[in-house]
Amino acid sequence: MSAVEIRPVSGIAVEPWLDELADLRIRVFRDYPYLYDGSPAYERDYLDRYARSEQSLFVLALEFNRLIGAATALPLTDADPEFMAPFEQYGPAPERVFYFGESVLLPDYRGEGIGHRFFDLRELYARDFGFDVTAFCAVVRDPDHPARPGDYRSLEPFWEKRGYRPVPSLTARFSWRDLGEDEQTEKTMRFWLREAAEDE
């Protein structure tokens, strides 16, 4: 394994890393299944919401002080209203949920256990603050999507091994511009949940 440092930071302490993190999100989310044609201005605005949350967590993966991966989390009640709305309608109560924003990691560093560390630290942080549900959402794409690479490996088996399950009733709709498209199109995002075991 390479000499990667895993550094958790919270709230406004992440400020020095936000530009790098915005760039990393754009680079990683260009790939399938997100195909996201992002902009630095939007990314900074999105990440500023996390930085303003007193209970947010950024798990930074650094190699020689260069950001090569990151994972984010915050109380669902501090997230954008679009993320909270499905829980208000179908439950569990938003106040119980610690929301995982994203895990992004450059391809050369995958398969080294960093993804597990991202989940371990966010789940521990959630329990320390008294949240008994952790959740994230992922885009739903047609399995026959023309941009799907032949060697694409879904992360769903990894999430399931971590104890997460998709909840059909918990979905949200978000719009962004796919690579090569002129206009934004709406996508379905499905939530995955894990409830903390009583003995944790």
N, C-alpha and C. Protein backbone atom coordinates (compact mmCIF):
# COMPACT_ATOMS: atom_id res chain seq x y z
N MET A 1 0.85 -1.21 0.00
CA MET A 1 0.00 0.00 0.00
C MET A 1 0.88 1.25 0.00
N SER A 2 0.47 2.25 -0.76
CA SER A 2 1.24 3.48 -0.82
C SER A 2 1.15 4.24 0.50
N ALA A 3 2.00 5.25 0.64
CA ALA A 3 2.08 6.01 1.88
C ALA A 3 0.96 7.04 1.93
N VAL A 4 -0.25 6.58 2.14
CA VAL A 4 -1.42 7.45 2.16
C VAL A 4 -1.80 7.72 3.60
N GLU A 5 -1.95 8.99 3.93
CA GLU A 5 -2.40 9.41 5.27
C GLU A 5 -3.90 9.64 5.22
N ILE A 6 -4.61 9.10 6.19
CA ILE A 6 -6.05 9.34 6.33
C ILE A 6 -6.24 10.36 7.44
N ARG A 7 -6.79 11.53 7.08
CA ARG A 7 -6.88 12.63 8.04
C ARG A 7 -8.33 13.12 8.14
N PRO A 8 -9.02 12.86 9.26
CA PRO A 8 -10.37 13.40 9.43
C PRO A 8 -10.32 14.85 9.91
N VAL A 9 -11.13 15.69 9.30
CA VAL A 9 -11.27 17.08 9.74
C VAL A 9 -12.76 17.40 9.76
N SER A 10 -13.13 18.39 10.54
CA SER A 10 -14.55 18.70 10.72
C SER A 10 -14.82 20.18 10.50
N GLY A 11 -15.99 20.45 9.92
CA GLY A 11 -16.45 21.82 9.80
C GLY A 11 -15.51 22.71 9.02
N ILE A 12 -15.35 23.93 9.51
CA ILE A 12 -14.60 24.95 8.78
C ILE A 12 -13.12 24.62 8.68
N ALA A 13 -12.63 23.66 9.46
CA ALA A 13 -11.22 23.27 9.39
C ALA A 13 -10.84 22.73 8.03
N VAL A 14 -11.82 22.36 7.22
CA VAL A 14 -11.54 21.82 5.89
C VAL A 14 -11.28 22.92 4.85
N GLU A 15 -11.48 24.16 5.24
CA GLU A 15 -11.39 25.27 4.28
C GLU A 15 -10.14 25.22 3.39
N PRO A 16 -8.94 24.96 3.92
CA PRO A 16 -7.76 24.95 3.04
C PRO A 16 -7.81 23.90 1.94
N TRP A 17 -8.67 22.91 2.07
CA TRP A 17 -8.72 21.80 1.12
C TRP A 17 -9.87 21.91 0.12
N LEU A 18 -10.72 22.90 0.24
CA LEU A 18 -11.96 22.90 -0.53
C LEU A 18 -11.73 23.01 -2.04
N ASP A 19 -10.78 23.82 -2.46
CA ASP A 19 -10.54 23.94 -3.90
C ASP A 19 -10.04 22.61 -4.47
N GLU A 20 -9.12 21.98 -3.75
CA GLU A 20 -8.61 20.68 -4.19
C GLU A 20 -9.72 19.63 -4.20
N LEU A 21 -10.57 19.68 -3.19
CA LEU A 21 -11.66 18.71 -3.11
C LEU A 21 -12.67 18.93 -4.23
N ALA A 22 -12.95 20.19 -4.54
CA ALA A 22 -13.85 20.49 -5.66
C ALA A 22 -13.29 19.92 -6.96
N ASP A 23 -12.00 20.11 -7.19
CA ASP A 23 -11.36 19.58 -8.40
C ASP A 23 -11.41 18.05 -8.42
N LEU A 24 -11.18 17.42 -7.27
CA LEU A 24 -11.19 15.97 -7.20
C LEU A 24 -12.58 15.42 -7.52
N ARG A 25 -13.62 16.05 -6.98
CA ARG A 25 -15.00 15.61 -7.26
C ARG A 25 -15.29 15.68 -8.76
N ILE A 26 -14.89 16.77 -9.40
CA ILE A 26 -15.13 16.91 -10.83
C ILE A 26 -14.41 15.81 -11.60
N ARG A 27 -13.16 15.52 -11.24
CA ARG A 27 -12.38 14.51 -11.95
C ARG A 27 -12.99 13.12 -11.81
N VAL A 28 -13.35 12.74 -10.58
CA VAL A 28 -13.84 11.39 -10.34
C VAL A 28 -15.26 11.21 -10.90
N PHE A 29 -16.10 12.22 -10.74
CA PHE A 29 -17.49 12.08 -11.16
C PHE A 29 -17.68 12.24 -12.67
N ARG A 30 -16.61 12.52 -13.40
CA ARG A 30 -16.70 12.50 -14.86
C ARG A 30 -16.91 11.06 -15.37
N ASP A 31 -16.43 10.10 -14.60
CA ASP A 31 -16.51 8.69 -15.02
C ASP A 31 -17.92 8.16 -14.83
N TYR A 32 -18.23 7.09 -15.56
CA TYR A 32 -19.49 6.38 -15.37
C TYR A 32 -19.53 5.84 -13.94
N PRO A 33 -20.67 5.89 -13.24
CA PRO A 33 -22.02 6.14 -13.77
C PRO A 33 -22.49 7.59 -13.70
N TYR A 34 -21.66 8.51 -13.14
CA TYR A 34 -22.18 9.87 -12.98
C TYR A 34 -22.06 10.70 -14.25
N LEU A 35 -20.94 10.55 -14.98
CA LEU A 35 -20.75 11.27 -16.24
C LEU A 35 -20.97 12.76 -16.06
N TYR A 36 -20.52 13.27 -14.94
CA TYR A 36 -20.85 14.61 -14.47
C TYR A 36 -19.92 15.66 -15.08
N ASP A 37 -20.51 16.62 -15.76
CA ASP A 37 -19.76 17.73 -16.34
C ASP A 37 -19.86 18.90 -15.37
N GLY A 38 -19.01 18.88 -14.37
CA GLY A 38 -19.14 19.83 -13.25
C GLY A 38 -18.36 21.11 -13.45
N SER A 39 -18.63 22.07 -12.56
CA SER A 39 -17.94 23.36 -12.58
C SER A 39 -17.37 23.66 -11.20
N PRO A 40 -16.19 24.27 -11.13
CA PRO A 40 -15.59 24.60 -9.82
C PRO A 40 -16.50 25.49 -8.98
N ALA A 41 -17.21 26.42 -9.60
CA ALA A 41 -18.06 27.35 -8.83
C ALA A 41 -19.18 26.59 -8.13
N TYR A 42 -19.84 25.67 -8.86
CA TYR A 42 -20.91 24.89 -8.23
C TYR A 42 -20.34 24.02 -7.12
N GLU A 43 -19.20 23.41 -7.38
CA GLU A 43 -18.61 22.51 -6.38
C GLU A 43 -18.27 23.25 -5.09
N ARG A 44 -17.71 24.44 -5.20
CA ARG A 44 -17.38 25.19 -4.00
C ARG A 44 -18.63 25.54 -3.21
N ASP A 45 -19.69 25.92 -3.90
CA ASP A 45 -20.95 26.24 -3.22
C ASP A 45 -21.50 25.01 -2.50
N TYR A 46 -21.44 23.86 -3.17
CA TYR A 46 -21.92 22.61 -2.58
C TYR A 46 -21.10 22.25 -1.35
N LEU A 47 -19.78 22.33 -1.45
CA LEU A 47 -18.91 21.94 -0.34
C LEU A 47 -18.96 22.93 0.81
N ASP A 48 -19.25 24.19 0.51
CA ASP A 48 -19.36 25.20 1.58
C ASP A 48 -20.47 24.83 2.56
N ARG A 49 -21.52 24.18 2.08
CA ARG A 49 -22.61 23.78 2.98
C ARG A 49 -22.08 22.79 4.01
N TYR A 50 -21.25 21.88 3.58
CA TYR A 50 -20.63 20.93 4.51
C TYR A 50 -19.71 21.65 5.49
N ALA A 51 -18.91 22.56 4.98
CA ALA A 51 -17.96 23.27 5.84
C ALA A 51 -18.67 24.09 6.91
N ARG A 52 -19.89 24.58 6.61
CA ARG A 52 -20.63 25.39 7.57
C ARG A 52 -21.32 24.55 8.65
N SER A 53 -21.41 23.25 8.44
CA SER A 53 -22.05 22.39 9.43
C SER A 53 -21.07 22.06 10.55
N GLU A 54 -21.48 22.31 11.79
CA GLU A 54 -20.58 22.08 12.92
C GLU A 54 -20.30 20.60 13.15
N GLN A 55 -21.17 19.73 12.65
CA GLN A 55 -20.99 18.29 12.85
C GLN A 55 -20.62 17.57 11.56
N SER A 56 -20.14 18.30 10.58
CA SER A 56 -19.73 17.65 9.34
C SER A 56 -18.39 16.96 9.52
N LEU A 57 -18.12 16.01 8.64
CA LEU A 57 -16.85 15.29 8.66
C LEU A 57 -16.33 15.18 7.24
N PHE A 58 -15.06 15.49 7.09
CA PHE A 58 -14.33 15.25 5.85
C PHE A 58 -13.20 14.28 6.18
N VAL A 59 -13.20 13.14 5.53
CA VAL A 59 -12.11 12.19 5.69
C VAL A 59 -11.21 12.35 4.47
N LEU A 60 -10.04 12.93 4.69
CA LEU A 60 -9.13 13.24 3.59
C LEU A 60 -8.09 12.13 3.45
N ALA A 61 -7.83 11.73 2.22
CA ALA A 61 -6.76 10.78 1.92
C ALA A 61 -5.66 11.57 1.22
N LEU A 62 -4.49 11.61 1.84
CA LEU A 62 -3.39 12.46 1.36
C LEU A 62 -2.15 11.62 1.10
N GLU A 63 -1.51 11.90 -0.01
CA GLU A 63 -0.21 11.30 -0.28
C GLU A 63 0.78 12.45 -0.46
N PHE A 64 1.73 12.54 0.46
CA PHE A 64 2.69 13.66 0.46
C PHE A 64 1.95 14.99 0.39
N ASN A 65 0.90 15.08 1.19
CA ASN A 65 0.09 16.28 1.34
C ASN A 65 -0.71 16.63 0.08
N ARG A 66 -0.81 15.71 -0.86
CA ARG A 66 -1.65 15.90 -2.05
C ARG A 66 -2.93 15.11 -1.86
N LEU A 67 -4.07 15.76 -2.11
CA LEU A 67 -5.36 15.11 -1.91
C LEU A 67 -5.60 14.11 -3.04
N ILE A 68 -5.72 12.83 -2.67
CA ILE A 68 -5.97 11.79 -3.68
C ILE A 68 -7.34 11.13 -3.46
N GLY A 69 -8.01 11.48 -2.38
CA GLY A 69 -9.34 10.94 -2.11
C GLY A 69 -9.97 11.66 -0.94
N ALA A 70 -11.27 11.54 -0.83
CA ALA A 70 -11.98 12.18 0.28
C ALA A 70 -13.37 11.59 0.41
N ALA A 71 -13.90 11.63 1.61
CA ALA A 71 -15.28 11.24 1.86
C ALA A 71 -15.89 12.29 2.79
N THR A 72 -17.17 12.58 2.58
CA THR A 72 -17.83 13.62 3.36
C THR A 72 -19.06 13.06 4.05
N ALA A 73 -19.48 13.75 5.11
CA ALA A 73 -20.69 13.37 5.84
C ALA A 73 -21.15 14.56 6.68
N LEU A 74 -22.45 14.57 6.98
CA LEU A 74 -23.01 15.59 7.85
C LEU A 74 -24.39 15.13 8.30
N PRO A 75 -24.93 15.72 9.37
CA PRO A 75 -26.31 15.38 9.74
C PRO A 75 -27.25 15.65 8.58
N LEU A 76 -28.18 14.75 8.36
CA LEU A 76 -29.12 14.94 7.25
C LEU A 76 -29.87 16.26 7.38
N THR A 77 -30.13 16.70 8.59
CA THR A 77 -30.85 17.96 8.78
C THR A 77 -30.03 19.17 8.35
N ASP A 78 -28.72 19.00 8.13
CA ASP A 78 -27.87 20.08 7.63
C ASP A 78 -27.68 20.00 6.11
N ALA A 79 -28.19 18.93 5.48
CA ALA A 79 -28.00 18.73 4.05
C ALA A 79 -29.02 19.54 3.25
N ASP A 80 -28.85 19.53 1.93
CA ASP A 80 -29.80 20.22 1.06
C ASP A 80 -31.20 19.65 1.26
N PRO A 81 -32.24 20.48 1.16
CA PRO A 81 -33.62 20.00 1.38
C PRO A 81 -34.00 18.83 0.48
N GLU A 82 -33.44 18.77 -0.73
CA GLU A 82 -33.79 17.68 -1.64
C GLU A 82 -33.38 16.32 -1.09
N PHE A 83 -32.31 16.29 -0.29
CA PHE A 83 -31.88 15.03 0.31
C PHE A 83 -32.79 14.65 1.48
N MET A 84 -33.29 15.64 2.19
CA MET A 84 -34.08 15.38 3.38
C MET A 84 -35.53 15.02 3.07
N ALA A 85 -36.07 15.54 1.95
CA ALA A 85 -37.49 15.39 1.65
C ALA A 85 -37.98 13.94 1.64
N PRO A 86 -37.27 12.98 1.01
CA PRO A 86 -37.78 11.60 1.01
C PRO A 86 -37.91 11.01 2.42
N PHE A 87 -37.01 11.39 3.31
CA PHE A 87 -37.05 10.87 4.68
C PHE A 87 -38.20 11.49 5.46
N GLU A 88 -38.50 12.75 5.18
CA GLU A 88 -39.64 13.38 5.84
C GLU A 88 -40.95 12.70 5.45
N GLN A 89 -40.99 12.15 4.24
CA GLN A 89 -42.22 11.50 3.77
C GLN A 89 -42.28 10.03 4.19
N TYR A 90 -41.16 9.33 4.12
CA TYR A 90 -41.18 7.87 4.31
C TYR A 90 -40.39 7.38 5.54
N GLY A 91 -39.59 8.27 6.15
CA GLY A 91 -38.78 7.85 7.29
C GLY A 91 -37.55 7.07 6.83
N PRO A 92 -36.63 6.78 7.77
CA PRO A 92 -36.66 7.17 9.17
C PRO A 92 -36.53 8.68 9.36
N ALA A 93 -36.82 9.14 10.57
CA ALA A 93 -36.81 10.57 10.86
C ALA A 93 -35.45 11.17 10.52
N PRO A 94 -35.43 12.30 9.82
CA PRO A 94 -34.15 12.91 9.44
C PRO A 94 -33.20 13.14 10.62
N GLU A 95 -33.75 13.40 11.81
CA GLU A 95 -32.91 13.66 12.97
C GLU A 95 -32.07 12.45 13.37
N ARG A 96 -32.46 11.25 12.91
CA ARG A 96 -31.72 10.03 13.24
C ARG A 96 -30.59 9.75 12.26
N VAL A 97 -30.57 10.47 11.14
CA VAL A 97 -29.75 10.06 10.00
C VAL A 97 -28.50 10.92 9.85
N PHE A 98 -27.36 10.24 9.72
CA PHE A 98 -26.11 10.90 9.36
C PHE A 98 -25.88 10.58 7.89
N TYR A 99 -25.80 11.62 7.07
CA TYR A 99 -25.79 11.45 5.62
C TYR A 99 -24.36 11.49 5.07
N PHE A 100 -24.03 10.49 4.28
CA PHE A 100 -22.71 10.41 3.63
C PHE A 100 -22.82 11.04 2.25
N GLY A 101 -22.13 12.14 2.06
CA GLY A 101 -22.23 12.85 0.79
C GLY A 101 -21.60 12.13 -0.37
N GLU A 102 -20.34 11.76 -0.26
CA GLU A 102 -19.66 11.08 -1.35
C GLU A 102 -18.35 10.48 -0.86
N SER A 103 -17.87 9.52 -1.61
CA SER A 103 -16.50 9.01 -1.47
C SER A 103 -15.88 9.11 -2.85
N VAL A 104 -14.80 9.84 -2.96
CA VAL A 104 -14.11 9.98 -4.24
C VAL A 104 -12.64 9.61 -4.03
N LEU A 105 -12.12 8.83 -4.96
CA LEU A 105 -10.76 8.32 -4.85
C LEU A 105 -10.19 8.14 -6.24
N LEU A 106 -8.98 8.64 -6.46
CA LEU A 106 -8.36 8.48 -7.77
C LEU A 106 -8.15 7.00 -8.08
N PRO A 107 -8.28 6.63 -9.35
CA PRO A 107 -8.25 5.20 -9.72
C PRO A 107 -7.01 4.45 -9.25
N ASP A 108 -5.85 5.08 -9.27
CA ASP A 108 -4.61 4.39 -8.91
C ASP A 108 -4.57 3.94 -7.46
N TYR A 109 -5.47 4.46 -6.63
CA TYR A 109 -5.43 4.17 -5.20
C TYR A 109 -6.59 3.27 -4.76
N ARG A 110 -7.35 2.79 -5.70
CA ARG A 110 -8.48 1.92 -5.35
C ARG A 110 -8.00 0.50 -5.10
N GLY A 111 -8.76 -0.21 -4.27
CA GLY A 111 -8.40 -1.58 -3.94
C GLY A 111 -7.38 -1.72 -2.85
N GLU A 112 -7.06 -0.63 -2.15
CA GLU A 112 -6.06 -0.65 -1.08
C GLU A 112 -6.69 -0.53 0.31
N GLY A 113 -8.01 -0.57 0.38
CA GLY A 113 -8.68 -0.49 1.67
C GLY A 113 -9.07 0.92 2.09
N ILE A 114 -8.78 1.91 1.26
CA ILE A 114 -9.10 3.29 1.63
C ILE A 114 -10.61 3.50 1.69
N GLY A 115 -11.34 2.88 0.78
CA GLY A 115 -12.80 3.00 0.81
C GLY A 115 -13.40 2.50 2.11
N HIS A 116 -12.85 1.40 2.64
CA HIS A 116 -13.32 0.91 3.94
C HIS A 116 -13.02 1.91 5.05
N ARG A 117 -11.85 2.52 4.99
CA ARG A 117 -11.51 3.51 6.01
C ARG A 117 -12.48 4.70 5.95
N PHE A 118 -12.85 5.09 4.75
CA PHE A 118 -13.82 6.18 4.61
C PHE A 118 -15.12 5.83 5.34
N PHE A 119 -15.61 4.62 5.16
CA PHE A 119 -16.85 4.21 5.82
C PHE A 119 -16.63 4.03 7.32
N ASP A 120 -15.54 3.39 7.71
CA ASP A 120 -15.27 3.16 9.14
C ASP A 120 -15.31 4.45 9.94
N LEU A 121 -14.61 5.45 9.46
CA LEU A 121 -14.49 6.70 10.22
C LEU A 121 -15.80 7.48 10.23
N ARG A 122 -16.52 7.47 9.13
CA ARG A 122 -17.80 8.19 9.12
C ARG A 122 -18.83 7.49 9.99
N GLU A 123 -18.85 6.18 9.99
CA GLU A 123 -19.79 5.44 10.85
C GLU A 123 -19.45 5.65 12.32
N LEU A 124 -18.17 5.64 12.66
CA LEU A 124 -17.76 5.88 14.04
C LEU A 124 -18.16 7.29 14.48
N TYR A 125 -17.93 8.25 13.62
CA TYR A 125 -18.27 9.64 13.91
C TYR A 125 -19.78 9.78 14.13
N ALA A 126 -20.57 9.11 13.28
CA ALA A 126 -22.03 9.16 13.42
C ALA A 126 -22.46 8.61 14.76
N ARG A 127 -21.90 7.47 15.16
CA ARG A 127 -22.27 6.88 16.46
C ARG A 127 -21.87 7.78 17.61
N ASP A 128 -20.70 8.40 17.51
CA ASP A 128 -20.24 9.29 18.58
C ASP A 128 -21.19 10.46 18.79
N PHE A 129 -21.87 10.88 17.74
CA PHE A 129 -22.82 11.98 17.85
C PHE A 129 -24.26 11.50 18.07
N GLY A 130 -24.43 10.19 18.21
CA GLY A 130 -25.74 9.67 18.58
C GLY A 130 -26.68 9.36 17.42
N PHE A 131 -26.16 9.33 16.20
CA PHE A 131 -26.99 8.96 15.05
C PHE A 131 -27.02 7.44 14.92
N ASP A 132 -28.20 6.87 14.73
CA ASP A 132 -28.28 5.41 14.63
C ASP A 132 -28.56 4.92 13.21
N VAL A 133 -28.64 5.85 12.26
CA VAL A 133 -28.82 5.48 10.86
C VAL A 133 -27.79 6.25 10.03
N THR A 134 -27.10 5.54 9.14
CA THR A 134 -26.24 6.20 8.16
C THR A 134 -26.80 5.91 6.78
N ALA A 135 -26.65 6.87 5.89
CA ALA A 135 -27.28 6.75 4.57
C ALA A 135 -26.46 7.49 3.53
N PHE A 136 -26.59 7.04 2.30
CA PHE A 136 -26.03 7.76 1.16
C PHE A 136 -26.94 7.49 -0.03
N CYS A 137 -26.74 8.21 -1.11
CA CYS A 137 -27.53 7.92 -2.31
C CYS A 137 -26.60 7.76 -3.50
N ALA A 138 -27.07 7.02 -4.49
CA ALA A 138 -26.29 6.73 -5.68
C ALA A 138 -27.18 6.83 -6.90
N VAL A 139 -26.60 7.28 -8.00
CA VAL A 139 -27.37 7.45 -9.23
C VAL A 139 -27.82 6.09 -9.77
N VAL A 140 -29.00 6.08 -10.34
CA VAL A 140 -29.54 4.88 -10.98
C VAL A 140 -29.41 5.05 -12.49
N ARG A 141 -28.65 4.17 -13.11
CA ARG A 141 -28.46 4.21 -14.56
C ARG A 141 -28.99 2.93 -15.18
N ASP A 142 -29.44 3.04 -16.42
CA ASP A 142 -29.84 1.87 -17.19
C ASP A 142 -28.63 0.96 -17.38
N PRO A 143 -28.74 -0.33 -17.06
CA PRO A 143 -27.60 -1.24 -17.26
C PRO A 143 -27.08 -1.26 -18.70
N ASP A 144 -27.93 -0.88 -19.65
CA ASP A 144 -27.52 -0.85 -21.05
C ASP A 144 -27.12 0.54 -21.51
N HIS A 145 -26.80 1.42 -20.56
CA HIS A 145 -26.41 2.78 -20.93
C HIS A 145 -25.20 2.73 -21.88
N PRO A 146 -25.24 3.49 -22.96
CA PRO A 146 -24.16 3.41 -23.95
C PRO A 146 -22.79 3.82 -23.43
N ALA A 147 -22.74 4.61 -22.35
CA ALA A 147 -21.45 5.04 -21.81
C ALA A 147 -20.89 4.08 -20.77
N ARG A 148 -21.63 3.01 -20.45
CA ARG A 148 -21.16 2.05 -19.44
C ARG A 148 -19.94 1.29 -19.99
N PRO A 149 -18.79 1.35 -19.33
CA PRO A 149 -17.61 0.64 -19.82
C PRO A 149 -17.80 -0.87 -19.72
N GLY A 150 -17.17 -1.60 -20.60
CA GLY A 150 -17.27 -3.05 -20.58
C GLY A 150 -16.73 -3.67 -19.32
N ASP A 151 -15.73 -3.01 -18.70
CA ASP A 151 -15.12 -3.55 -17.49
C ASP A 151 -15.65 -2.89 -16.22
N TYR A 152 -16.79 -2.21 -16.32
CA TYR A 152 -17.34 -1.51 -15.16
C TYR A 152 -17.70 -2.49 -14.05
N ARG A 153 -17.30 -2.15 -12.83
CA ARG A 153 -17.63 -2.97 -11.66
C ARG A 153 -18.46 -2.13 -10.69
N SER A 154 -19.68 -2.55 -10.47
CA SER A 154 -20.58 -1.84 -9.57
C SER A 154 -20.04 -1.89 -8.14
N LEU A 155 -20.30 -0.81 -7.40
CA LEU A 155 -19.93 -0.77 -5.98
C LEU A 155 -20.98 -1.40 -5.08
N GLU A 156 -22.10 -1.84 -5.65
CA GLU A 156 -23.17 -2.35 -4.82
C GLU A 156 -22.75 -3.54 -3.95
N PRO A 157 -21.98 -4.52 -4.46
CA PRO A 157 -21.53 -5.60 -3.57
C PRO A 157 -20.70 -5.09 -2.39
N PHE A 158 -19.88 -4.08 -2.62
CA PHE A 158 -19.09 -3.48 -1.53
C PHE A 158 -20.01 -2.84 -0.49
N TRP A 159 -21.01 -2.10 -0.95
CA TRP A 159 -21.94 -1.45 -0.01
C TRP A 159 -22.72 -2.49 0.78
N GLU A 160 -23.13 -3.56 0.11
CA GLU A 160 -23.90 -4.60 0.80
C GLU A 160 -23.06 -5.29 1.87
N LYS A 161 -21.79 -5.51 1.60
CA LYS A 161 -20.90 -6.10 2.61
C LYS A 161 -20.73 -5.18 3.81
N ARG A 162 -20.88 -3.90 3.59
CA ARG A 162 -20.80 -2.93 4.68
C ARG A 162 -22.11 -2.86 5.47
N GLY A 163 -23.13 -3.59 5.04
CA GLY A 163 -24.40 -3.61 5.76
C GLY A 163 -25.43 -2.65 5.23
N TYR A 164 -25.20 -2.07 4.06
CA TYR A 164 -26.16 -1.11 3.49
C TYR A 164 -27.12 -1.82 2.55
N ARG A 165 -28.35 -1.32 2.52
CA ARG A 165 -29.38 -1.88 1.65
C ARG A 165 -30.11 -0.74 0.95
N PRO A 166 -30.45 -0.92 -0.33
CA PRO A 166 -31.22 0.12 -1.02
C PRO A 166 -32.67 0.11 -0.53
N VAL A 167 -33.26 1.29 -0.45
CA VAL A 167 -34.65 1.43 0.00
C VAL A 167 -35.45 1.98 -1.17
N PRO A 168 -36.30 1.13 -1.79
CA PRO A 168 -37.02 1.56 -3.01
C PRO A 168 -37.84 2.83 -2.84
N SER A 169 -38.38 3.04 -1.64
CA SER A 169 -39.23 4.22 -1.44
C SER A 169 -38.44 5.51 -1.27
N LEU A 170 -37.15 5.39 -1.02
CA LEU A 170 -36.32 6.57 -0.76
C LEU A 170 -35.51 6.91 -2.00
N THR A 171 -36.04 7.81 -2.80
CA THR A 171 -35.34 8.29 -3.98
C THR A 171 -35.48 9.81 -4.07
N ALA A 172 -34.57 10.40 -4.78
CA ALA A 172 -34.63 11.84 -5.04
C ALA A 172 -34.27 12.05 -6.51
N ARG A 173 -34.64 13.22 -7.02
CA ARG A 173 -34.35 13.54 -8.41
C ARG A 173 -33.43 14.76 -8.45
N PHE A 174 -32.33 14.62 -9.20
CA PHE A 174 -31.38 15.71 -9.34
C PHE A 174 -31.02 15.88 -10.81
N SER A 175 -30.71 17.09 -11.17
CA SER A 175 -30.35 17.39 -12.55
C SER A 175 -28.91 17.84 -12.65
N TRP A 176 -28.21 17.33 -13.65
CA TRP A 176 -26.90 17.84 -14.03
C TRP A 176 -26.68 17.54 -15.50
N ARG A 177 -25.64 18.16 -16.05
CA ARG A 177 -25.32 17.95 -17.46
C ARG A 177 -24.33 16.81 -17.58
N ASP A 178 -24.72 15.79 -18.33
CA ASP A 178 -23.79 14.70 -18.62
C ASP A 178 -22.73 15.16 -19.61
N LEU A 179 -21.60 14.50 -19.58
CA LEU A 179 -20.54 14.80 -20.55
C LEU A 179 -21.08 14.64 -21.97
N GLY A 180 -20.78 15.62 -22.81
CA GLY A 180 -21.21 15.56 -24.20
C GLY A 180 -22.62 16.03 -24.44
N GLU A 181 -23.34 16.43 -23.40
CA GLU A 181 -24.70 16.93 -23.57
C GLU A 181 -24.74 18.45 -23.43
N ASP A 182 -25.74 19.06 -24.06
CA ASP A 182 -25.87 20.52 -24.02
C ASP A 182 -26.73 21.00 -22.85
N GLU A 183 -27.66 20.16 -22.41
CA GLU A 183 -28.60 20.56 -21.38
C GLU A 183 -28.55 19.59 -20.20
N GLN A 184 -28.97 20.10 -19.05
CA GLN A 184 -29.10 19.25 -17.88
C GLN A 184 -30.27 18.28 -18.06
N THR A 185 -30.13 17.09 -17.52
CA THR A 185 -31.24 16.13 -17.50
C THR A 185 -31.40 15.61 -16.08
N GLU A 186 -32.62 15.22 -15.76
CA GLU A 186 -32.94 14.78 -14.41
C GLU A 186 -32.56 13.31 -14.23
N LYS A 187 -31.95 12.99 -13.09
CA LYS A 187 -31.56 11.62 -12.76
C LYS A 187 -32.21 11.19 -11.46
N THR A 188 -32.43 9.89 -11.34
CA THR A 188 -32.92 9.32 -10.09
C THR A 188 -31.74 8.92 -9.22
N MET A 189 -31.82 9.30 -7.95
CA MET A 189 -30.81 8.91 -6.95
C MET A 189 -31.51 8.04 -5.92
N ARG A 190 -30.98 6.84 -5.70
CA ARG A 190 -31.57 5.91 -4.74
C ARG A 190 -30.75 5.92 -3.45
N PHE A 191 -31.46 5.94 -2.31
CA PHE A 191 -30.79 5.95 -1.02
C PHE A 191 -30.51 4.53 -0.54
N TRP A 192 -29.36 4.38 0.08
CA TRP A 192 -28.95 3.15 0.76
C TRP A 192 -28.81 3.46 2.23
N LEU A 193 -29.33 2.56 3.10
CA LEU A 193 -29.35 2.81 4.55
C LEU A 193 -28.70 1.68 5.31
N ARG A 194 -28.16 2.04 6.45
CA ARG A 194 -27.65 1.07 7.42
C ARG A 194 -28.03 1.55 8.81
N GLU A 195 -28.66 0.69 9.59
CA GLU A 195 -28.97 1.03 10.98
C GLU A 195 -27.92 0.41 11.87
N ALA A 196 -27.44 1.20 12.82
CA ALA A 196 -26.39 0.74 13.71
C ALA A 196 -26.90 -0.40 14.59
N ALA A 197 -26.07 -1.42 14.76
CA ALA A 197 -26.43 -2.52 15.65
C ALA A 197 -26.41 -2.04 17.09
N GLU A 198 -27.23 -2.65 17.91
CA GLU A 198 -27.37 -2.21 19.32
C GLU A 198 -26.07 -2.35 20.08
N ASP A 199 -25.20 -3.32 19.69
CA ASP A 199 -23.98 -3.54 20.43
C ASP A 199 -22.80 -2.74 19.92
N GLU A 200 -23.04 -1.87 18.93
CA GLU A 200 -21.95 -1.07 18.42
C GLU A 200 -21.69 0.12 19.34
